Amino acid sequence: MPRMAFQKPRKIEWEILTDRYGRMVAEPFEKGYALTVGNSLRRSLVSLIPGAAVTWVGIPGVTSPESPIPGVRERTEDVLLNLKKLAVQVPSEIARVVRLDVTGPKRVTGADVPEADGVEILNPEIHLFELTSGTIGLDLGIGVGRGYAAAAQVPGTVPAGAIALDAAFSPIQRVSYNVEMSRLGKITDYEKLILEIWTNGAVAPDEALIRSATHLKQYFSIMVPPGAPEIESADGDAGDNFLREALARPVEALPLAARALNALKNADLAIVADLAQKTETDLVEVKNLGEKSIEEIKSALAELGLSLGMRIDPAVLGALARGNVR
């Protein structure tokens, strides 16, 4: 069967990355494939990543949402809704029970929930309820799961007299993706995927994406029948070879001024892979490397389909031939 080249992304980078938000750009894709990849990643991100949530609440003398809580200003339904909004993280993904004892008058927030046995409250500022007088003790059952579970479907055992809650386990609060046109050389009908991930802080956006992509890879591999012959991909090999060759080039091969090349060499940036892993902020700290030189570096990398701040597969880095670098 004849082999036809199929373009895979050459540039994958996080334009913005914090503990709770990330914006990643990948390009170029064959037409239609940015949408395919974006939708697959979104679906797996919102349903795959496990998390923790309050699954039941034990309140002395209160066995239903319609029963008032003595000394609490809010209705019981509102208190339960607020407790459902607690963003919780537990070690080793093991269910926990946390005891919340409060003496009024007091405005109770997430910060008042004890962080015992490794339990961490990720939104301590959230309002739970206002205790006008007296003392109250609540038991909070923290379960672990995936996605969303109705109260009747929450995993684990709800103690007698406790009120079961609907639980949103996923630490992924929102995922969106957008597809734009991309260009590679003179070809202008490729696509660019822009993926945005918001989390509650229990998992970082890049870690969530790694887990999601790994899951999809393993999931699709199941579709290959056992004993099926491995089909070589000429375009994949060519793309990998192009990437390795580009990353293994000595920095002297880049069209840069002598001053910039000397600055890079003095900073122990010998090959393009060393340079591509640096961010623009890193380069600002390099001695004798000015703003104009940094722009020239970015342009030179772009001509190779690379960029600053790249996260390169360790396997690819390990396969680079550094013996030719002088």
Protein backbone atom coordinates (compact mmCIF):
# COMPACT_ATOMS: atom_id res chain seq x y z
CA MET A 1 0.00 0.00 0.00
CA PRO A 2 1.45 3.43 -0.91
CA ARG A 3 2.30 5.74 1.98
CA MET A 4 1.08 9.29 2.08
CA ALA A 5 2.46 11.94 4.41
CA PHE A 6 0.14 12.92 7.25
CA GLN A 7 1.01 16.06 9.17
CA LYS A 8 1.35 15.88 12.93
CA PRO A 9 1.78 18.89 15.26
CA ARG A 10 5.34 20.24 15.40
CA LYS A 11 4.65 22.93 17.97
CA ILE A 12 3.01 22.14 21.31
CA GLU A 13 3.42 24.75 24.02
CA TRP A 14 1.70 26.22 27.05
CA GLU A 15 1.17 29.93 26.45
CA ILE A 16 -0.17 30.34 30.00
CA LEU A 17 0.25 27.85 32.82
CA THR A 18 -0.62 28.33 36.51
CA ASP A 19 -1.76 25.97 39.27
CA ARG A 20 -5.39 26.31 38.15
CA TYR A 21 -5.40 27.52 34.56
CA GLY A 22 -3.57 26.57 31.41
CA ARG A 23 -3.78 27.61 27.75
CA MET A 24 -2.04 25.26 25.35
CA VAL A 25 -1.50 25.71 21.61
CA ALA A 26 -0.71 22.85 19.23
CA GLU A 27 -0.12 23.13 15.49
CA PRO A 28 -0.23 22.23 12.67
CA PHE A 29 -2.96 19.60 12.28
CA GLU A 30 -4.39 18.13 9.13
CA LYS A 31 -7.76 19.66 8.36
CA GLY A 32 -10.42 18.34 10.75
CA TYR A 33 -8.00 16.74 13.17
CA ALA A 34 -7.65 19.66 15.57
CA LEU A 35 -11.38 19.35 16.20
CA THR A 36 -11.09 15.57 16.64
CA VAL A 37 -8.22 15.84 19.13
CA GLY A 38 -9.73 18.81 20.98
CA ASN A 39 -13.08 17.10 21.50
CA SER A 40 -11.48 13.83 22.59
CA LEU A 41 -9.26 15.58 25.13
CA ARG A 42 -12.15 17.63 26.49
CA ARG A 43 -14.38 14.58 26.97
CA SER A 44 -11.67 12.60 28.74
CA LEU A 45 -10.57 15.55 30.90
CA VAL A 46 -14.04 16.19 32.36
CA SER A 47 -14.84 12.50 32.94
CA LEU A 48 -11.52 10.74 33.61
CA ILE A 49 -9.58 12.69 36.25
CA PRO A 50 -10.59 11.51 39.76
CA GLY A 51 -11.18 13.89 42.63
CA ALA A 52 -12.74 14.27 46.06
CA ALA A 53 -15.99 15.86 47.25
CA VAL A 54 -18.27 16.00 50.29
CA THR A 55 -20.71 13.10 49.77
CA TRP A 56 -22.68 13.18 53.03
CA VAL A 57 -23.22 15.40 56.07
CA GLY A 58 -24.11 14.28 59.57
CA ILE A 59 -25.86 16.95 61.66
CA PRO A 60 -27.22 16.03 65.14
CA GLY A 61 -31.00 16.20 65.14
CA VAL A 62 -31.22 16.93 61.41
CA THR A 63 -32.15 14.03 59.12
CA SER A 64 -33.52 15.84 56.08
CA PRO A 65 -32.88 19.07 54.15
CA GLU A 66 -36.24 20.39 55.34
CA SER A 67 -35.26 20.29 59.03
CA PRO A 68 -33.74 23.53 60.39
CA ILE A 69 -30.32 23.53 62.02
CA PRO A 70 -30.50 25.05 65.53
CA GLY A 71 -28.62 28.34 65.77
CA VAL A 72 -27.86 28.56 62.02
CA ARG A 73 -29.19 31.55 60.11
CA GLU A 74 -29.39 29.86 56.70
CA ARG A 75 -31.84 27.20 55.65
CA THR A 76 -30.50 23.65 55.76
CA GLU A 77 -30.84 23.38 51.96
CA ASP A 78 -28.53 26.38 51.54
CA VAL A 79 -25.97 24.99 53.99
CA LEU A 80 -25.89 21.70 52.09
CA LEU A 81 -25.45 23.51 48.79
CA ASN A 82 -22.51 25.45 50.24
CA LEU A 83 -20.89 22.29 51.56
CA LYS A 84 -21.19 20.70 48.10
CA LYS A 85 -19.07 23.57 46.75
CA LEU A 86 -16.10 22.72 48.98
CA ALA A 87 -13.08 21.86 46.84
CA VAL A 88 -11.30 19.08 48.72
CA GLN A 89 -8.12 17.10 48.21
CA VAL A 90 -7.31 13.89 50.07
CA PRO A 91 -4.03 11.91 50.01
CA SER A 92 -3.88 8.60 48.17
CA GLU A 93 -7.47 9.09 46.98
CA ILE A 94 -8.85 7.46 50.16
CA ALA A 95 -12.22 8.47 51.62
CA ARG A 96 -12.15 10.44 54.87
CA VAL A 97 -14.51 11.73 57.57
CA VAL A 98 -13.86 15.23 58.93
CA ARG A 99 -15.41 16.65 62.10
CA LEU A 100 -16.35 20.35 62.07
CA ASP A 101 -17.03 21.81 65.54
CA VAL A 102 -18.07 25.47 65.74
CA THR A 103 -19.11 27.80 68.57
CA GLY A 104 -21.14 30.90 67.77
CA PRO A 105 -21.60 33.60 67.01
CA LYS A 106 -19.40 32.95 63.99
CA ARG A 107 -19.35 33.16 60.20
CA VAL A 108 -18.16 29.72 59.15
CA THR A 109 -16.05 29.32 56.00
CA GLY A 110 -14.02 26.60 54.35
CA ALA A 111 -11.04 27.69 56.42
CA ASP A 112 -12.81 26.34 59.55
CA VAL A 113 -12.87 22.78 58.20
CA PRO A 114 -10.03 20.90 59.95
CA GLU A 115 -7.30 19.71 57.61
CA ALA A 116 -6.64 16.46 59.48
CA ASP A 117 -5.21 13.23 58.01
CA GLY A 118 -3.89 15.08 54.99
CA VAL A 119 -7.24 16.61 53.98
CA GLU A 120 -6.77 19.96 52.24
CA ILE A 121 -9.46 22.57 51.56
CA LEU A 122 -8.64 24.30 48.27
CA ASN A 123 -11.18 27.13 48.58
CA PRO A 124 -10.98 28.18 52.26
CA GLU A 125 -12.69 31.49 51.50
CA ILE A 126 -16.05 29.91 50.63
CA HIS A 127 -18.96 30.78 52.94
CA LEU A 128 -20.66 27.77 54.53
CA PHE A 129 -23.11 29.18 57.09
CA GLU A 130 -23.52 31.67 59.93
CA LEU A 131 -23.92 30.35 63.46
CA THR A 132 -25.73 32.96 65.53
CA SER A 133 -25.41 31.21 68.91
CA GLY A 134 -24.61 27.92 70.60
CA THR A 135 -22.35 25.11 69.47
CA ILE A 136 -22.71 22.74 66.56
CA GLY A 137 -20.80 19.71 65.35
CA LEU A 138 -20.95 18.40 61.78
CA ASP A 139 -19.45 15.22 60.33
CA LEU A 140 -18.43 15.61 56.69
CA GLY A 141 -17.99 12.45 54.64
CA ILE A 142 -15.43 13.01 51.88
CA GLY A 143 -15.58 10.49 49.06
CA VAL A 144 -13.48 9.90 45.98
CA GLY A 145 -14.75 9.33 42.47
CA ARG A 146 -14.94 10.54 38.88
CA GLY A 147 -17.26 12.96 37.17
CA TYR A 148 -20.63 13.65 38.80
CA ALA A 149 -22.71 11.33 40.97
CA ALA A 150 -26.24 11.87 42.24
CA ALA A 151 -26.85 11.37 45.96
CA ALA A 152 -28.42 7.95 45.35
CA GLN A 153 -25.38 6.84 43.34
CA VAL A 154 -22.58 8.17 45.54
CA PRO A 155 -20.02 5.41 46.18
CA GLY A 156 -19.46 4.28 49.75
CA THR A 157 -21.77 3.93 52.74
CA VAL A 158 -23.79 6.83 54.11
CA PRO A 159 -24.20 6.49 57.91
CA ALA A 160 -27.69 6.24 59.36
CA GLY A 161 -29.18 9.68 59.94
CA ALA A 162 -26.70 11.44 57.63
CA ILE A 163 -27.83 13.37 54.55
CA ALA A 164 -26.40 12.18 51.23
CA LEU A 165 -25.27 14.85 48.76
CA ASP A 166 -24.84 15.00 45.01
CA ALA A 167 -21.11 15.06 44.36
CA ALA A 168 -19.03 16.70 41.64
CA PHE A 169 -15.78 14.77 42.00
CA SER A 170 -13.92 16.07 38.97
CA PRO A 171 -11.20 18.62 39.80
CA ILE A 172 -11.63 19.94 36.26
CA GLN A 173 -13.96 22.90 36.48
CA ARG A 174 -14.04 23.77 32.81
CA VAL A 175 -12.44 22.80 29.49
CA SER A 176 -12.80 24.70 26.23
CA TYR A 177 -11.09 24.41 22.88
CA ASN A 178 -10.98 26.46 19.74
CA VAL A 179 -9.73 25.70 16.24
CA GLU A 180 -8.01 28.31 14.08
CA MET A 181 -6.25 28.18 10.74
CA SER A 182 -2.51 27.50 10.75
CA ARG A 183 0.27 27.78 8.22
CA LEU A 184 3.25 25.56 7.50
CA GLY A 185 5.52 26.98 4.84
CA LYS A 186 3.36 27.84 1.85
CA ILE A 187 0.49 25.60 2.95
CA THR A 188 -2.19 27.65 4.70
CA ASP A 189 -5.05 25.18 5.29
CA TYR A 190 -3.64 23.44 8.35
CA GLU A 191 -5.30 23.88 11.75
CA LYS A 192 -4.25 25.14 15.17
CA LEU A 193 -5.77 23.75 18.38
CA ILE A 194 -6.14 26.10 21.36
CA LEU A 195 -7.06 24.19 24.54
CA GLU A 196 -7.93 25.90 27.84
CA ILE A 197 -8.21 24.05 31.15
CA TRP A 198 -9.49 25.35 34.50
CA THR A 199 -9.07 23.22 37.66
CA ASN A 200 -9.88 23.64 41.36
CA GLY A 201 -6.20 23.30 42.28
CA ALA A 202 -6.26 19.58 43.15
CA VAL A 203 -4.46 18.86 39.89
CA ALA A 204 -2.41 21.17 37.64
CA PRO A 205 -3.68 21.69 34.07
CA ASP A 206 -0.57 20.15 32.46
CA GLU A 207 -0.72 17.10 34.73
CA ALA A 208 -4.41 16.64 33.92
CA LEU A 209 -3.65 16.83 30.19
CA ILE A 210 -0.86 14.26 30.47
CA ARG A 211 -3.17 11.84 32.27
CA SER A 212 -5.95 12.43 29.75
CA ALA A 213 -3.73 11.97 26.71
CA THR A 214 -2.13 8.85 28.20
CA HIS A 215 -5.58 7.40 28.89
CA LEU A 216 -6.69 8.02 25.31
CA LYS A 217 -3.53 6.41 23.94
CA GLN A 218 -4.05 3.31 26.07
CA TYR A 219 -7.76 3.21 25.27
CA PHE A 220 -7.30 3.35 21.51
CA SER A 221 -4.53 0.74 21.62
CA ILE A 222 -7.17 -1.76 22.77
CA MET A 223 -8.78 -1.44 19.33
CA VAL A 224 -5.75 -3.09 17.69
CA PRO A 225 -6.45 -6.83 17.39
CA PRO A 226 -3.96 -9.08 19.21
CA GLY A 227 -1.24 -10.31 16.89
CA ALA A 228 -1.98 -7.67 14.24
CA PRO A 229 1.17 -6.72 12.29
CA GLU A 230 2.61 -3.35 13.21
CA ILE A 231 2.07 -0.81 10.47
CA GLU A 232 4.94 1.57 9.98
CA SER A 233 4.10 5.17 9.40
CA ALA A 234 6.42 6.85 6.95
CA ASP A 235 5.05 10.26 7.76
CA GLY A 236 5.44 9.65 11.49
CA ASP A 237 9.02 8.51 11.07
CA ALA A 238 9.74 11.49 8.84
CA GLY A 239 8.18 13.86 11.35
CA ASP A 240 10.15 12.35 14.24
CA ASN A 241 13.35 12.44 12.24
CA PHE A 242 12.75 16.07 11.29
CA LEU A 243 12.18 16.96 14.96
CA ARG A 244 15.29 15.13 16.12
CA GLU A 245 17.41 16.66 13.40
CA ALA A 246 16.13 20.15 14.20
CA LEU A 247 16.67 19.74 17.95
CA ALA A 248 20.13 18.24 17.51
CA ARG A 249 21.46 21.10 15.40
CA PRO A 250 24.21 23.17 17.00
CA VAL A 251 23.16 26.71 17.80
CA GLU A 252 25.86 27.91 15.37
CA ALA A 253 23.64 26.62 12.55
CA LEU A 254 20.94 29.18 13.42
CA PRO A 255 20.91 32.44 11.43
CA LEU A 256 21.92 34.59 14.40
CA ALA A 257 24.40 37.39 14.89
CA ALA A 258 27.81 36.49 16.30
CA ARG A 259 27.07 38.34 19.55
CA ALA A 260 23.93 36.28 20.16
CA LEU A 261 25.70 33.01 19.31
CA ASN A 262 28.54 33.78 21.72
CA ALA A 263 26.05 34.64 24.46
CA LEU A 264 24.24 31.32 23.96
CA LYS A 265 27.46 29.32 23.99
CA ASN A 266 28.65 31.08 27.14
CA ALA A 267 25.32 30.10 28.75
CA ASP A 268 26.02 26.40 27.89
CA LEU A 269 23.23 26.30 25.27
CA ALA A 270 25.01 24.10 22.76
CA ILE A 271 22.21 22.64 20.64
CA VAL A 272 18.77 23.79 19.54
CA ALA A 273 17.10 21.47 22.09
CA ASP A 274 18.84 23.35 24.92
CA LEU A 275 17.55 26.63 23.52
CA ALA A 276 13.99 25.51 22.75
CA GLN A 277 13.43 24.42 26.36
CA LYS A 278 14.21 27.91 27.64
CA THR A 279 11.48 30.50 28.10
CA GLU A 280 11.74 34.11 27.02
CA THR A 281 12.15 35.02 30.70
CA ASP A 282 15.11 32.64 30.93
CA LEU A 283 16.80 34.27 27.93
CA VAL A 284 16.40 37.75 29.40
CA GLU A 285 18.72 36.60 32.18
CA VAL A 286 21.43 35.51 29.72
CA LYS A 287 24.35 37.93 29.70
CA ASN A 288 24.82 39.98 26.50
CA LEU A 289 21.52 38.76 25.02
CA GLY A 290 19.27 41.72 24.24
CA GLU A 291 15.66 42.03 23.19
CA LYS A 292 16.54 42.16 19.49
CA SER A 293 18.58 38.97 19.76
CA ILE A 294 15.72 37.18 21.52
CA GLU A 295 13.35 38.12 18.70
CA GLU A 296 15.87 36.75 16.18
CA ILE A 297 16.05 33.51 18.18
CA LYS A 298 12.28 33.18 18.18
CA SER A 299 12.17 33.70 14.41
CA ALA A 300 14.96 31.18 13.83
CA LEU A 301 13.17 28.55 15.93
CA ALA A 302 9.87 29.25 14.16
CA GLU A 303 11.50 28.46 10.81
CA LEU A 304 12.24 25.00 12.20
CA GLY A 305 8.70 24.57 13.51
CA LEU A 306 9.92 25.07 17.08
CA SER A 307 9.44 27.70 19.77
CA LEU A 308 10.69 28.79 23.17
CA GLY A 309 9.36 27.06 26.27
CA MET A 310 8.90 23.67 24.62
CA ARG A 311 8.45 20.57 26.76
CA ILE A 312 10.37 17.90 24.93
CA ASP A 313 9.84 14.20 25.47
CA PRO A 314 12.77 12.86 27.54
CA ALA A 315 12.99 9.92 25.13
CA VAL A 316 13.57 12.35 22.26
CA LEU A 317 16.17 14.26 24.27
CA GLY A 318 17.95 11.04 25.14
CA ALA A 319 18.13 10.07 21.46
CA LEU A 320 19.78 13.32 20.37
CA ALA A 321 23.32 12.99 19.12
CA ARG A 322 25.40 15.54 21.01
CA GLY A 323 28.70 14.07 19.92
CA ASN A 324 28.76 16.26 16.81
CA VAL A 325 28.42 19.48 18.78
CA ARG A 326 31.69 21.32 19.12
